[in-house]
Amino acid sequence: MTEHPLTDEICKSIAASYPYNGADIDHCEHIEDMRAAYDKGGKDRLELIITWLDDELHRYSYSFDGEAEINYDSLFKDLREAMRPQQEDN
């Protein structure tokens, strides 16, 4: 089994940045919660990407002589822009 991207050290570092009730960082009880939140965020982002591709991919494909081509440069540029977190106006 591969190691989770959020290692114990990273989780403890995050927890140390937000101390609460004098908790013992070396025995952090919330590591699995942090990992679950990280995993959920990744799954949610993947669903957003799939939905965006399903809705938009037709804009980047074209055909010459019956062979489909995809303009990957524009596709990746626009996908990155679409997946960038939205800024709220205050």
PDB file of N, CA and C in Angstrom:
ATOM      1  N   MET A   1       0.853  -1.182   0.000  1.00  0.00           N
ATOM      2  CA  MET A   1       0.000   0.000   0.000  1.00  0.00           C
ATOM      3  C   MET A   1       0.893   1.238   0.000  1.00  0.00           C
ATOM      4  N   THR A   2       0.560   2.191  -0.842  1.00  0.00           N
ATOM      5  CA  THR A   2       1.351   3.407  -0.902  1.00  0.00           C
ATOM      6  C   THR A   2       0.973   4.329   0.244  1.00  0.00           C
ATOM      7  N   GLU A   3       1.926   5.172   0.593  1.00  0.00           N
ATOM      8  CA  GLU A   3       1.701   6.108   1.687  1.00  0.00           C
ATOM      9  C   GLU A   3       0.761   7.222   1.230  1.00  0.00           C
ATOM     10  N   HIS A   4      -0.113   7.638   2.107  1.00  0.00           N
ATOM     11  CA  HIS A   4      -1.038   8.732   1.811  1.00  0.00           C
ATOM     12  C   HIS A   4      -0.237  10.008   1.603  1.00  0.00           C
ATOM     13  N   PRO A   5      -0.670  10.880   0.668  1.00  0.00           N
ATOM     14  CA  PRO A   5       0.054  12.138   0.455  1.00  0.00           C
ATOM     15  C   PRO A   5       0.171  12.996   1.716  1.00  0.00           C
ATOM     16  N   LEU A   6      -0.816  12.903   2.599  1.00  0.00           N
ATOM     17  CA  LEU A   6      -0.729  13.607   3.877  1.00  0.00           C
ATOM     18  C   LEU A   6      -0.065  12.672   4.890  1.00  0.00           C
ATOM     19  N   THR A   7       1.243  12.777   4.978  1.00  0.00           N
ATOM     20  CA  THR A   7       1.986  11.937   5.915  1.00  0.00           C
ATOM     21  C   THR A   7       1.670  12.367   7.344  1.00  0.00           C
ATOM     22  N   ASP A   8       2.043  11.533   8.304  1.00  0.00           N
ATOM     23  CA  ASP A   8       1.856  11.898   9.705  1.00  0.00           C
ATOM     24  C   ASP A   8       2.551  13.226  10.006  1.00  0.00           C
ATOM     25  N   GLU A   9       3.746  13.409   9.436  1.00  0.00           N
ATOM     26  CA  GLU A   9       4.512  14.632   9.693  1.00  0.00           C
ATOM     27  C   GLU A   9       3.768  15.869   9.177  1.00  0.00           C
ATOM     28  N   ILE A  10       3.198  15.766   7.973  1.00  0.00           N
ATOM     29  CA  ILE A  10       2.443  16.899   7.430  1.00  0.00           C
ATOM     30  C   ILE A  10       1.223  17.186   8.289  1.00  0.00           C
ATOM     31  N   CYS A  11       0.499  16.147   8.673  1.00  0.00           N
ATOM     32  CA  CYS A  11      -0.690  16.331   9.517  1.00  0.00           C
ATOM     33  C   CYS A  11      -0.327  16.965  10.853  1.00  0.00           C
ATOM     34  N   LYS A  12       0.761  16.509  11.449  1.00  0.00           N
ATOM     35  CA  LYS A  12       1.187  17.080  12.727  1.00  0.00           C
ATOM     36  C   LYS A  12       1.612  18.529  12.562  1.00  0.00           C
ATOM     37  N   SER A  13       2.233  18.850  11.433  1.00  0.00           N
ATOM     38  CA  SER A  13       2.629  20.224  11.158  1.00  0.00           C
ATOM     39  C   SER A  13       1.398  21.118  11.027  1.00  0.00           C
ATOM     40  N   ILE A  14       0.386  20.626  10.328  1.00  0.00           N
ATOM     41  CA  ILE A  14      -0.865  21.385  10.190  1.00  0.00           C
ATOM     42  C   ILE A  14      -1.507  21.570  11.559  1.00  0.00           C
ATOM     43  N   ALA A  15      -1.574  20.494  12.334  1.00  0.00           N
ATOM     44  CA  ALA A  15      -2.195  20.562  13.659  1.00  0.00           C
ATOM     45  C   ALA A  15      -1.427  21.518  14.567  1.00  0.00           C
ATOM     46  N   ALA A  16      -0.114  21.561  14.440  1.00  0.00           N
ATOM     47  CA  ALA A  16       0.694  22.456  15.278  1.00  0.00           C
ATOM     48  C   ALA A  16       0.423  23.919  14.951  1.00  0.00           C
ATOM     49  N   SER A  17       0.001  24.185  13.731  1.00  0.00           N
ATOM     50  CA  SER A  17      -0.304  25.557  13.326  1.00  0.00           C
ATOM     51  C   SER A  17      -1.610  26.043  13.936  1.00  0.00           C
ATOM     52  N   TYR A  18      -2.457  25.114  14.350  1.00  0.00           N
ATOM     53  CA  TYR A  18      -3.761  25.449  14.911  1.00  0.00           C
ATOM     54  C   TYR A  18      -3.955  24.710  16.230  1.00  0.00           C
ATOM     55  N   PRO A  19      -3.188  25.096  17.256  1.00  0.00           N
ATOM     56  CA  PRO A  19      -3.312  24.376  18.532  1.00  0.00           C
ATOM     57  C   PRO A  19      -4.701  24.557  19.148  1.00  0.00           C
ATOM     58  N   TYR A  20      -5.151  23.529  19.789  1.00  0.00           N
ATOM     59  CA  TYR A  20      -6.460  23.566  20.415  1.00  0.00           C
ATOM     60  C   TYR A  20      -6.424  22.781  21.717  1.00  0.00           C
ATOM     61  N   ASN A  21      -6.924  23.390  22.743  1.00  0.00           N
ATOM     62  CA  ASN A  21      -7.078  22.759  24.053  1.00  0.00           C
ATOM     63  C   ASN A  21      -5.826  22.027  24.528  1.00  0.00           C
ATOM     64  N   GLY A  22      -4.660  22.510  24.189  1.00  0.00           N
ATOM     65  CA  GLY A  22      -3.425  21.887  24.648  1.00  0.00           C
ATOM     66  C   GLY A  22      -3.246  20.464  24.172  1.00  0.00           C
ATOM     67  N   ALA A  23      -3.765  20.118  23.021  1.00  0.00           N
ATOM     68  CA  ALA A  23      -3.686  18.746  22.514  1.00  0.00           C
ATOM     69  C   ALA A  23      -2.239  18.349  22.266  1.00  0.00           C
ATOM     70  N   ASP A  24      -1.947  17.089  22.451  1.00  0.00           N
ATOM     71  CA  ASP A  24      -0.622  16.531  22.226  1.00  0.00           C
ATOM     72  C   ASP A  24      -0.473  16.235  20.732  1.00  0.00           C
ATOM     73  N   ILE A  25       0.331  17.033  20.053  1.00  0.00           N
ATOM     74  CA  ILE A  25       0.498  16.915  18.605  1.00  0.00           C
ATOM     75  C   ILE A  25       1.055  15.539  18.227  1.00  0.00           C
ATOM     76  N   ASP A  26       1.919  14.969  19.063  1.00  0.00           N
ATOM     77  CA  ASP A  26       2.498  13.661  18.735  1.00  0.00           C
ATOM     78  C   ASP A  26       1.472  12.542  18.771  1.00  0.00           C
ATOM     79  N   HIS A  27       0.344  12.792  19.392  1.00  0.00           N
ATOM     80  CA  HIS A  27      -0.727  11.805  19.439  1.00  0.00           C
ATOM     81  C   HIS A  27      -2.003  12.391  18.842  1.00  0.00           C
ATOM     82  N   CYS A  28      -1.839  13.051  17.712  1.00  0.00           N
ATOM     83  CA  CYS A  28      -2.958  13.726  17.054  1.00  0.00           C
ATOM     84  C   CYS A  28      -4.046  12.716  16.686  1.00  0.00           C
ATOM     85  N   GLU A  29      -5.250  12.966  17.157  1.00  0.00           N
ATOM     86  CA  GLU A  29      -6.375  12.066  16.911  1.00  0.00           C
ATOM     87  C   GLU A  29      -7.082  12.365  15.593  1.00  0.00           C
ATOM     88  N   HIS A  30      -6.713  13.442  14.935  1.00  0.00           N
ATOM     89  CA  HIS A  30      -7.459  13.892  13.773  1.00  0.00           C
ATOM     90  C   HIS A  30      -6.757  13.623  12.447  1.00  0.00           C
ATOM     91  N   ILE A  31      -5.707  12.831  12.459  1.00  0.00           N
ATOM     92  CA  ILE A  31      -4.974  12.548  11.227  1.00  0.00           C
ATOM     93  C   ILE A  31      -5.878  11.869  10.208  1.00  0.00           C
ATOM     94  N   GLU A  32      -6.654  10.902  10.622  1.00  0.00           N
ATOM     95  CA  GLU A  32      -7.543  10.214   9.683  1.00  0.00           C
ATOM     96  C   GLU A  32      -8.625  11.148   9.159  1.00  0.00           C
ATOM     97  N   ASP A  33      -9.093  12.086  10.004  1.00  0.00           N
ATOM     98  CA  ASP A  33     -10.069  13.074   9.548  1.00  0.00           C
ATOM     99  C   ASP A  33      -9.457  13.991   8.490  1.00  0.00           C
ATOM    100  N   MET A  34      -8.209  14.409   8.714  1.00  0.00           N
ATOM    101  CA  MET A  34      -7.512  15.249   7.734  1.00  0.00           C
ATOM    102  C   MET A  34      -7.363  14.508   6.410  1.00  0.00           C
ATOM    103  N   ARG A  35      -6.997  13.257   6.490  1.00  0.00           N
ATOM    104  CA  ARG A  35      -6.821  12.460   5.271  1.00  0.00           C
ATOM    105  C   ARG A  35      -8.152  12.252   4.555  1.00  0.00           C
ATOM    106  N   ALA A  36      -9.218  12.036   5.304  1.00  0.00           N
ATOM    107  CA  ALA A  36     -10.532  11.849   4.692  1.00  0.00           C
ATOM    108  C   ALA A  36     -10.978  13.137   3.994  1.00  0.00           C
ATOM    109  N   ALA A  37     -10.733  14.284   4.612  1.00  0.00           N
ATOM    110  CA  ALA A  37     -11.093  15.562   3.990  1.00  0.00           C
ATOM    111  C   ALA A  37     -10.275  15.784   2.717  1.00  0.00           C
ATOM    112  N   TYR A  38      -8.997  15.463   2.753  1.00  0.00           N
ATOM    113  CA  TYR A  38      -8.127  15.580   1.582  1.00  0.00           C
ATOM    114  C   TYR A  38      -8.657  14.695   0.455  1.00  0.00           C
ATOM    115  N   ASP A  39      -8.992  13.455   0.785  1.00  0.00           N
ATOM    116  CA  ASP A  39      -9.500  12.521  -0.225  1.00  0.00           C
ATOM    117  C   ASP A  39     -10.828  12.995  -0.806  1.00  0.00           C
ATOM    118  N   LYS A  40     -11.723  13.501   0.048  1.00  0.00           N
ATOM    119  CA  LYS A  40     -13.011  13.991  -0.438  1.00  0.00           C
ATOM    120  C   LYS A  40     -12.810  15.176  -1.368  1.00  0.00           C
ATOM    121  N   GLY A  41     -11.906  16.074  -1.023  1.00  0.00           N
ATOM    122  CA  GLY A  41     -11.620  17.215  -1.884  1.00  0.00           C
ATOM    123  C   GLY A  41     -11.119  16.767  -3.248  1.00  0.00           C
ATOM    124  N   GLY A  42     -10.261  15.749  -3.263  1.00  0.00           N
ATOM    125  CA  GLY A  42      -9.754  15.221  -4.527  1.00  0.00           C
ATOM    126  C   GLY A  42     -10.859  14.605  -5.367  1.00  0.00           C
ATOM    127  N   LYS A  43     -11.737  13.849  -4.729  1.00  0.00           N
ATOM    128  CA  LYS A  43     -12.856  13.225  -5.450  1.00  0.00           C
ATOM    129  C   LYS A  43     -13.814  14.285  -5.985  1.00  0.00           C
ATOM    130  N   ASP A  44     -14.081  15.307  -5.183  1.00  0.00           N
ATOM    131  CA  ASP A  44     -14.966  16.393  -5.629  1.00  0.00           C
ATOM    132  C   ASP A  44     -14.359  17.124  -6.821  1.00  0.00           C
ATOM    133  N   ARG A  45     -13.048  17.392  -6.781  1.00  0.00           N
ATOM    134  CA  ARG A  45     -12.370  18.081  -7.876  1.00  0.00           C
ATOM    135  C   ARG A  45     -12.419  17.233  -9.141  1.00  0.00           C
ATOM    136  N   LEU A  46     -12.213  15.924  -9.011  1.00  0.00           N
ATOM    137  CA  LEU A  46     -12.283  15.041 -10.170  1.00  0.00           C
ATOM    138  C   LEU A  46     -13.668  15.091 -10.804  1.00  0.00           C
ATOM    139  N   GLU A  47     -14.723  15.087 -10.009  1.00  0.00           N
ATOM    140  CA  GLU A  47     -16.081  15.169 -10.545  1.00  0.00           C
ATOM    141  C   GLU A  47     -16.306  16.491 -11.276  1.00  0.00           C
ATOM    142  N   LEU A  48     -15.762  17.583 -10.738  1.00  0.00           N
ATOM    143  CA  LEU A  48     -15.867  18.875 -11.429  1.00  0.00           C
ATOM    144  C   LEU A  48     -15.172  18.832 -12.789  1.00  0.00           C
ATOM    145  N   ILE A  49     -14.001  18.224 -12.836  1.00  0.00           N
ATOM    146  CA  ILE A  49     -13.254  18.125 -14.097  1.00  0.00           C
ATOM    147  C   ILE A  49     -14.012  17.286 -15.108  1.00  0.00           C
ATOM    148  N   ILE A  50     -14.539  16.155 -14.676  1.00  0.00           N
ATOM    149  CA  ILE A  50     -15.288  15.284 -15.578  1.00  0.00           C
ATOM    150  C   ILE A  50     -16.523  16.009 -16.115  1.00  0.00           C
ATOM    151  N   THR A  51     -17.238  16.704 -15.248  1.00  0.00           N
ATOM    152  CA  THR A  51     -18.426  17.448 -15.681  1.00  0.00           C
ATOM    153  C   THR A  51     -18.043  18.538 -16.671  1.00  0.00           C
ATOM    154  N   TRP A  52     -16.966  19.266 -16.378  1.00  0.00           N
ATOM    155  CA  TRP A  52     -16.516  20.325 -17.283  1.00  0.00           C
ATOM    156  C   TRP A  52     -16.142  19.739 -18.640  1.00  0.00           C
ATOM    157  N   LEU A  53     -15.387  18.643 -18.650  1.00  0.00           N
ATOM    158  CA  LEU A  53     -15.000  18.013 -19.914  1.00  0.00           C
ATOM    159  C   LEU A  53     -16.226  17.533 -20.692  1.00  0.00           C
ATOM    160  N   ASP A  54     -17.172  16.948 -19.989  1.00  0.00           N
ATOM    161  CA  ASP A  54     -18.386  16.465 -20.645  1.00  0.00           C
ATOM    162  C   ASP A  54     -19.137  17.611 -21.316  1.00  0.00           C
ATOM    163  N   ASP A  55     -19.161  18.772 -20.657  1.00  0.00           N
ATOM    164  CA  ASP A  55     -19.874  19.932 -21.193  1.00  0.00           C
ATOM    165  C   ASP A  55     -19.090  20.691 -22.263  1.00  0.00           C
ATOM    166  N   GLU A  56     -17.765  20.707 -22.182  1.00  0.00           N
ATOM    167  CA  GLU A  56     -16.960  21.616 -22.992  1.00  0.00           C
ATOM    168  C   GLU A  56     -16.060  20.963 -24.036  1.00  0.00           C
ATOM    169  N   LEU A  57     -15.814  19.687 -23.968  1.00  0.00           N
ATOM    170  CA  LEU A  57     -14.819  19.052 -24.838  1.00  0.00           C
ATOM    171  C   LEU A  57     -15.108  19.270 -26.319  1.00  0.00           C
ATOM    172  N   HIS A  58     -16.372  19.334 -26.686  1.00  0.00           N
ATOM    173  CA  HIS A  58     -16.719  19.521 -28.099  1.00  0.00           C
ATOM    174  C   HIS A  58     -16.140  20.817 -28.670  1.00  0.00           C
ATOM    175  N   ARG A  59     -15.888  21.813 -27.832  1.00  0.00           N
ATOM    176  CA  ARG A  59     -15.351  23.087 -28.301  1.00  0.00           C
ATOM    177  C   ARG A  59     -13.890  22.987 -28.740  1.00  0.00           C
ATOM    178  N   TYR A  60     -13.201  21.917 -28.371  1.00  0.00           N
ATOM    179  CA  TYR A  60     -11.761  21.796 -28.631  1.00  0.00           C
ATOM    180  C   TYR A  60     -11.434  20.723 -29.657  1.00  0.00           C
ATOM    181  N   SER A  61     -12.451  20.079 -30.185  1.00  0.00           N
ATOM    182  CA  SER A  61     -12.203  19.020 -31.156  1.00  0.00           C
ATOM    183  C   SER A  61     -12.632  19.465 -32.544  1.00  0.00           C
ATOM    184  N   TYR A  62     -11.937  18.985 -33.517  1.00  0.00           N
ATOM    185  CA  TYR A  62     -12.245  19.283 -34.909  1.00  0.00           C
ATOM    186  C   TYR A  62     -11.823  18.089 -35.744  1.00  0.00           C
ATOM    187  N   SER A  63     -12.212  18.073 -36.981  1.00  0.00           N
ATOM    188  CA  SER A  63     -11.950  16.918 -37.827  1.00  0.00           C
ATOM    189  C   SER A  63     -11.410  17.351 -39.185  1.00  0.00           C
ATOM    190  N   PHE A  64     -10.357  16.659 -39.599  1.00  0.00           N
ATOM    191  CA  PHE A  64      -9.827  16.791 -40.959  1.00  0.00           C
ATOM    192  C   PHE A  64      -9.831  15.410 -41.571  1.00  0.00           C
ATOM    193  N   ASP A  65     -10.419  15.299 -42.738  1.00  0.00           N
ATOM    194  CA  ASP A  65     -10.463  14.015 -43.436  1.00  0.00           C
ATOM    195  C   ASP A  65     -11.036  12.898 -42.571  1.00  0.00           C
ATOM    196  N   GLY A  66     -12.005  13.234 -41.717  1.00  0.00           N
ATOM    197  CA  GLY A  66     -12.673  12.230 -40.906  1.00  0.00           C
ATOM    198  C   GLY A  66     -11.922  11.799 -39.656  1.00  0.00           C
ATOM    199  N   GLU A  67     -10.735  12.356 -39.408  1.00  0.00           N
ATOM    200  CA  GLU A  67      -9.983  12.000 -38.202  1.00  0.00           C
ATOM    201  C   GLU A  67     -10.120  13.130 -37.185  1.00  0.00           C
ATOM    202  N   ALA A  68     -10.565  12.769 -36.014  1.00  0.00           N
ATOM    203  CA  ALA A  68     -10.768  13.761 -34.962  1.00  0.00           C
ATOM    204  C   ALA A  68      -9.422  14.231 -34.408  1.00  0.00           C
ATOM    205  N   GLU A  69      -9.330  15.518 -34.163  1.00  0.00           N
ATOM    206  CA  GLU A  69      -8.162  16.134 -33.552  1.00  0.00           C
ATOM    207  C   GLU A  69      -8.638  16.961 -32.365  1.00  0.00           C
ATOM    208  N   ILE A  70      -7.785  17.119 -31.384  1.00  0.00           N
ATOM    209  CA  ILE A  70      -8.120  17.930 -30.216  1.00  0.00           C
ATOM    210  C   ILE A  70      -7.035  18.985 -30.031  1.00  0.00           C
ATOM    211  N   ASN A  71      -7.448  20.228 -29.825  1.00  0.00           N
ATOM    212  CA  ASN A  71      -6.525  21.314 -29.546  1.00  0.00           C
ATOM    213  C   ASN A  71      -6.207  21.268 -28.044  1.00  0.00           C
ATOM    214  N   TYR A  72      -5.184  20.496 -27.685  1.00  0.00           N
ATOM    215  CA  TYR A  72      -4.867  20.276 -26.277  1.00  0.00           C
ATOM    216  C   TYR A  72      -4.370  21.532 -25.576  1.00  0.00           C
ATOM    217  N   ASP A  73      -3.620  22.379 -26.264  1.00  0.00           N
ATOM    218  CA  ASP A  73      -3.122  23.592 -25.622  1.00  0.00           C
ATOM    219  C   ASP A  73      -4.271  24.452 -25.098  1.00  0.00           C
ATOM    220  N   SER A  74      -5.257  24.700 -25.938  1.00  0.00           N
ATOM    221  CA  SER A  74      -6.411  25.496 -25.513  1.00  0.00           C
ATOM    222  C   SER A  74      -7.234  24.761 -24.467  1.00  0.00           C
ATOM    223  N   LEU A  75      -7.414  23.472 -24.657  1.00  0.00           N
ATOM    224  CA  LEU A  75      -8.182  22.666 -23.708  1.00  0.00           C
ATOM    225  C   LEU A  75      -7.574  22.755 -22.315  1.00  0.00           C
ATOM    226  N   PHE A  76      -6.271  22.511 -22.201  1.00  0.00           N
ATOM    227  CA  PHE A  76      -5.621  22.518 -20.887  1.00  0.00           C
ATOM    228  C   PHE A  76      -5.602  23.915 -20.273  1.00  0.00           C
ATOM    229  N   LYS A  77      -5.402  24.934 -21.101  1.00  0.00           N
ATOM    230  CA  LYS A  77      -5.410  26.314 -20.603  1.00  0.00           C
ATOM    231  C   LYS A  77      -6.776  26.640 -20.007  1.00  0.00           C
ATOM    232  N   ASP A  78      -7.828  26.348 -20.745  1.00  0.00           N
ATOM    233  CA  ASP A  78      -9.176  26.666 -20.271  1.00  0.00           C
ATOM    234  C   ASP A  78      -9.592  25.804 -19.085  1.00  0.00           C
ATOM    235  N   LEU A  79      -9.169  24.547 -19.087  1.00  0.00           N
ATOM    236  CA  LEU A  79      -9.483  23.671 -17.950  1.00  0.00           C
ATOM    237  C   LEU A  79      -8.821  24.196 -16.684  1.00  0.00           C
ATOM    238  N   ARG A  80      -7.565  24.586 -16.786  1.00  0.00           N
ATOM    239  CA  ARG A  80      -6.879  25.147 -15.614  1.00  0.00           C
ATOM    240  C   ARG A  80      -7.610  26.394 -15.110  1.00  0.00           C
ATOM    241  N   GLU A  81      -8.021  27.242 -16.029  1.00  0.00           N
ATOM    242  CA  GLU A  81      -8.736  28.456 -15.641  1.00  0.00           C
ATOM    243  C   GLU A  81     -10.081  28.118 -14.992  1.00  0.00           C
ATOM    244  N   ALA A  82     -10.792  27.162 -15.556  1.00  0.00           N
ATOM    245  CA  ALA A  82     -12.105  26.783 -15.022  1.00  0.00           C
ATOM    246  C   ALA A  82     -11.992  26.152 -13.631  1.00  0.00           C
ATOM    247  N   MET A  83     -10.886  25.476 -13.358  1.00  0.00           N
ATOM    248  CA  MET A  83     -10.725  24.797 -12.079  1.00  0.00           C
ATOM    249  C   MET A  83     -10.068  25.674 -11.021  1.00  0.00           C
ATOM    250  N   ARG A  84      -9.663  26.880 -11.420  1.00  0.00           N
ATOM    251  CA  ARG A  84      -9.078  27.808 -10.461  1.00  0.00           C
ATOM    252  C   ARG A  84     -10.170  28.232  -9.484  1.00  0.00           C
ATOM    253  N   PRO A  85      -9.862  28.256  -8.181  1.00  0.00           N
ATOM    254  CA  PRO A  85     -10.891  28.676  -7.216  1.00  0.00           C
ATOM    255  C   PRO A  85     -11.425  30.058  -7.557  1.00  0.00           C
ATOM    256  N   GLN A  86     -12.720  30.195  -7.429  1.00  0.00           N
ATOM    257  CA  GLN A  86     -13.381  31.472  -7.721  1.00  0.00           C
ATOM    258  C   GLN A  86     -13.112  32.449  -6.576  1.00  0.00           C
ATOM    259  N   GLN A  87     -12.809  33.687  -6.921  1.00  0.00           N
ATOM    260  CA  GLN A  87     -12.593  34.736  -5.917  1.00  0.00           C
ATOM    261  C   GLN A  87     -13.931  35.420  -5.641  1.00  0.00           C
ATOM    262  N   GLU A  88     -14.200  35.636  -4.380  1.00  0.00           N
ATOM    263  CA  GLU A  88     -15.435  36.306  -4.001  1.00  0.00           C
ATOM    264  C   GLU A  88     -15.200  37.814  -3.942  1.00  0.00           C
ATOM    265  N   ASP A  89     -16.161  38.574  -4.427  1.00  0.00           N
ATOM    266  CA  ASP A  89     -16.099  40.032  -4.312  1.00  0.00           C
ATOM    267  C   ASP A  89     -16.621  40.430  -2.947  1.00  0.00           C
ATOM    268  N   ASN A  90     -15.847  41.242  -2.257  1.00  0.00           N
ATOM    269  CA  ASN A  90     -16.277  41.688  -0.920  1.00  0.00           C
ATOM    270  C   ASN A  90     -16.793  43.091  -0.994  1.00  0.00           C
TER     271      ASN A  90
END
